[in-house]
Amino acid sequence: LVVKKARAPGDGGILSNLFKAVGAEAMERDRHRLQQILDADPDSMVVEVKTNFAQDQGLFDISAAQVELAKRLGPRFWLVKVQNLGGAAASVTMLRDLQAALKEGLVRLVLVA
């Protein structure tokens, strides 16, 4: 999700699932579009939502491109984990700055081949 901060009633918005391109050319077009959106509004941010039907085991998938984007955007890249969707009560964890969480050791990256 790309979120634009509301400055007045009716302002703001969410561009949901905007970037789901397949193929190198389409992905590059999406990256360019995302950069235009973020450059045009310094209050906009990226919110990456990860979901799982299992109970929270502390693990989630994230791509190298998403980690790189988190590094570039800092506090403008939020990560939201929704776990246990199939259970009686889902749990939601939100990191408002993935890059800071990595630096502070709150999150660790594990390479899985």
C-alpha atoms as a PDB file:
ATOM      1  CA  LEU A   1       0.000   0.000   0.000  1.00  0.00           C
ATOM      2  CA  VAL A   2       1.085   3.550  -0.639  1.00  0.00           C
ATOM      3  CA  VAL A   3      -0.557   5.900   1.834  1.00  0.00           C
ATOM      4  CA  LYS A   4      -0.909   9.653   1.413  1.00  0.00           C
ATOM      5  CA  LYS A   5      -1.340  11.666   4.608  1.00  0.00           C
ATOM      6  CA  ALA A   6      -4.584  13.642   4.853  1.00  0.00           C
ATOM      7  CA  ARG A   7      -4.049  17.374   5.318  1.00  0.00           C
ATOM      8  CA  ALA A   8      -7.737  18.313   5.124  1.00  0.00           C
ATOM      9  CA  PRO A   9     -11.095  16.480   5.166  1.00  0.00           C
ATOM     10  CA  GLY A  10     -11.387  14.404   2.026  1.00  0.00           C
ATOM     11  CA  ASP A  11      -7.675  14.611   1.332  1.00  0.00           C
ATOM     12  CA  GLY A  12      -5.352  11.624   1.544  1.00  0.00           C
ATOM     13  CA  GLY A  13      -5.929   8.159   0.316  1.00  0.00           C
ATOM     14  CA  ILE A  14      -4.579   4.690  -0.156  1.00  0.00           C
ATOM     15  CA  LEU A  15      -3.321   3.270  -3.418  1.00  0.00           C
ATOM     16  CA  SER A  16      -3.996  -0.378  -2.696  1.00  0.00           C
ATOM     17  CA  ASN A  17      -2.038  -3.119  -4.451  1.00  0.00           C
ATOM     18  CA  LEU A  18      -0.781  -0.575  -6.924  1.00  0.00           C
ATOM     19  CA  PHE A  19       2.385  -2.445  -7.752  1.00  0.00           C
ATOM     20  CA  LYS A  20       1.706  -6.036  -8.818  1.00  0.00           C
ATOM     21  CA  ALA A  21       3.470  -6.002 -12.189  1.00  0.00           C
ATOM     22  CA  VAL A  22       5.012  -9.051 -13.787  1.00  0.00           C
ATOM     23  CA  GLY A  23       8.065  -8.750 -16.001  1.00  0.00           C
ATOM     24  CA  ALA A  24      11.138  -6.550 -15.820  1.00  0.00           C
ATOM     25  CA  GLU A  25       9.740  -3.699 -17.926  1.00  0.00           C
ATOM     26  CA  ALA A  26       6.465  -3.476 -16.009  1.00  0.00           C
ATOM     27  CA  MET A  27       8.290  -3.700 -12.668  1.00  0.00           C
ATOM     28  CA  GLU A  28      10.598  -0.848 -13.687  1.00  0.00           C
ATOM     29  CA  ARG A  29       7.549   1.223 -14.689  1.00  0.00           C
ATOM     30  CA  ASP A  30       5.998   0.540 -11.273  1.00  0.00           C
ATOM     31  CA  ARG A  31       9.231   1.501  -9.474  1.00  0.00           C
ATOM     32  CA  HIS A  32       9.317   4.759 -11.406  1.00  0.00           C
ATOM     33  CA  ARG A  33       5.645   5.451 -10.590  1.00  0.00           C
ATOM     34  CA  LEU A  34       6.237   4.740  -6.897  1.00  0.00           C
ATOM     35  CA  GLN A  35       9.231   7.091  -6.849  1.00  0.00           C
ATOM     36  CA  GLN A  36       7.133   9.826  -8.481  1.00  0.00           C
ATOM     37  CA  ILE A  37       4.423   9.431  -5.835  1.00  0.00           C
ATOM     38  CA  LEU A  38       6.914   9.495  -2.953  1.00  0.00           C
ATOM     39  CA  ASP A  39       8.844  12.460  -4.387  1.00  0.00           C
ATOM     40  CA  ALA A  40       5.674  14.463  -4.977  1.00  0.00           C
ATOM     41  CA  ASP A  41       4.468  14.109  -1.384  1.00  0.00           C
ATOM     42  CA  PRO A  42       7.007  13.745   1.448  1.00  0.00           C
ATOM     43  CA  ASP A  43       4.179  12.708   3.793  1.00  0.00           C
ATOM     44  CA  SER A  44       3.281   9.650   1.718  1.00  0.00           C
ATOM     45  CA  MET A  45       4.577   6.275   2.873  1.00  0.00           C
ATOM     46  CA  VAL A  46       4.681   2.617   1.935  1.00  0.00           C
ATOM     47  CA  VAL A  47       2.873   0.143   4.194  1.00  0.00           C
ATOM     48  CA  GLU A  48       3.804  -3.484   3.501  1.00  0.00           C
ATOM     49  CA  VAL A  49       1.219  -5.909   4.911  1.00  0.00           C
ATOM     50  CA  LYS A  50       2.218  -9.524   5.526  1.00  0.00           C
ATOM     51  CA  THR A  51      -0.453 -12.069   6.437  1.00  0.00           C
ATOM     52  CA  ASN A  52      -0.369 -15.660   7.620  1.00  0.00           C
ATOM     53  CA  PHE A  53      -3.009 -18.153   8.707  1.00  0.00           C
ATOM     54  CA  ALA A  54      -0.679 -19.710  11.283  1.00  0.00           C
ATOM     55  CA  GLN A  55       0.037 -18.486  14.780  1.00  0.00           C
ATOM     56  CA  ASP A  56       2.823 -15.932  15.031  1.00  0.00           C
ATOM     57  CA  GLN A  57       6.148 -17.755  15.024  1.00  0.00           C
ATOM     58  CA  GLY A  58       8.099 -14.569  14.434  1.00  0.00           C
ATOM     59  CA  LEU A  59       8.849 -15.396  10.796  1.00  0.00           C
ATOM     60  CA  PHE A  60       7.630 -13.696   7.638  1.00  0.00           C
ATOM     61  CA  ASP A  61       8.766 -13.419   4.021  1.00  0.00           C
ATOM     62  CA  ILE A  62      10.156 -10.160   2.696  1.00  0.00           C
ATOM     63  CA  SER A  63      11.902  -9.604  -0.601  1.00  0.00           C
ATOM     64  CA  ALA A  64      15.319  -8.052  -1.092  1.00  0.00           C
ATOM     65  CA  ALA A  65      13.610  -5.227  -3.004  1.00  0.00           C
ATOM     66  CA  GLN A  66      11.356  -4.517  -0.002  1.00  0.00           C
ATOM     67  CA  VAL A  67      14.357  -4.465   2.367  1.00  0.00           C
ATOM     68  CA  GLU A  68      16.135  -2.067   0.011  1.00  0.00           C
ATOM     69  CA  LEU A  69      13.047   0.154  -0.148  1.00  0.00           C
ATOM     70  CA  ALA A  70      12.854   0.123   3.665  1.00  0.00           C
ATOM     71  CA  LYS A  71      16.486   1.256   3.812  1.00  0.00           C
ATOM     72  CA  ARG A  72      15.791   4.096   1.386  1.00  0.00           C
ATOM     73  CA  LEU A  73      12.547   5.269   2.989  1.00  0.00           C
ATOM     74  CA  GLY A  74      13.358   4.764   6.682  1.00  0.00           C
ATOM     75  CA  PRO A  75      10.320   5.908   8.719  1.00  0.00           C
ATOM     76  CA  ARG A  76       8.254   6.134   5.530  1.00  0.00           C
ATOM     77  CA  PHE A  77       8.267   2.303   5.220  1.00  0.00           C
ATOM     78  CA  TRP A  78       5.953   0.547   7.684  1.00  0.00           C
ATOM     79  CA  LEU A  79       5.582  -3.206   8.037  1.00  0.00           C
ATOM     80  CA  VAL A  80       2.333  -4.692   9.344  1.00  0.00           C
ATOM     81  CA  LYS A  81       2.201  -8.415  10.198  1.00  0.00           C
ATOM     82  CA  VAL A  82      -1.202 -10.054  10.593  1.00  0.00           C
ATOM     83  CA  GLN A  83      -0.889 -13.583  12.012  1.00  0.00           C
ATOM     84  CA  ASN A  84      -3.322 -16.374  12.892  1.00  0.00           C
ATOM     85  CA  LEU A  85      -6.014 -15.354  10.402  1.00  0.00           C
ATOM     86  CA  GLY A  86      -7.469 -18.869  10.620  1.00  0.00           C
ATOM     87  CA  GLY A  87      -7.639 -18.858  14.416  1.00  0.00           C
ATOM     88  CA  ALA A  88     -10.057 -17.425  16.942  1.00  0.00           C
ATOM     89  CA  ALA A  89      -8.146 -14.138  17.238  1.00  0.00           C
ATOM     90  CA  ALA A  90      -5.652 -12.686  14.813  1.00  0.00           C
ATOM     91  CA  SER A  91      -2.632 -10.779  16.073  1.00  0.00           C
ATOM     92  CA  VAL A  92      -1.344  -7.600  14.470  1.00  0.00           C
ATOM     93  CA  THR A  93       2.206  -6.305  14.829  1.00  0.00           C
ATOM     94  CA  MET A  94       3.244  -2.981  13.317  1.00  0.00           C
ATOM     95  CA  LEU A  95       6.775  -1.710  12.759  1.00  0.00           C
ATOM     96  CA  ARG A  96       6.684   1.965  11.827  1.00  0.00           C
ATOM     97  CA  ASP A  97      10.278   1.949  10.580  1.00  0.00           C
ATOM     98  CA  LEU A  98      11.573  -1.423   9.400  1.00  0.00           C
ATOM     99  CA  GLN A  99      15.085  -0.095   8.846  1.00  0.00           C
ATOM    100  CA  ALA A 100      15.316   1.197  12.450  1.00  0.00           C
ATOM    101  CA  ALA A 101      13.922  -2.115  13.740  1.00  0.00           C
ATOM    102  CA  LEU A 102      16.663  -3.954  11.841  1.00  0.00           C
ATOM    103  CA  LYS A 103      19.371  -1.667  13.234  1.00  0.00           C
ATOM    104  CA  GLU A 104      18.029  -2.013  16.807  1.00  0.00           C
ATOM    105  CA  GLY A 105      17.882  -5.810  16.550  1.00  0.00           C
ATOM    106  CA  LEU A 106      14.095  -5.942  16.887  1.00  0.00           C
ATOM    107  CA  VAL A 107      13.965  -7.757  13.546  1.00  0.00           C
ATOM    108  CA  ARG A 108      16.548 -10.095  12.047  1.00  0.00           C
ATOM    109  CA  LEU A 109      16.965 -11.080   8.423  1.00  0.00           C
ATOM    110  CA  VAL A 110      17.444 -14.763   7.664  1.00  0.00           C
ATOM    111  CA  LEU A 111      18.464 -15.836   4.180  1.00  0.00           C
ATOM    112  CA  VAL A 112      16.473 -18.817   2.985  1.00  0.00           C
ATOM    113  CA  ALA A 113      17.654 -20.505  -0.203  1.00  0.00           C
END
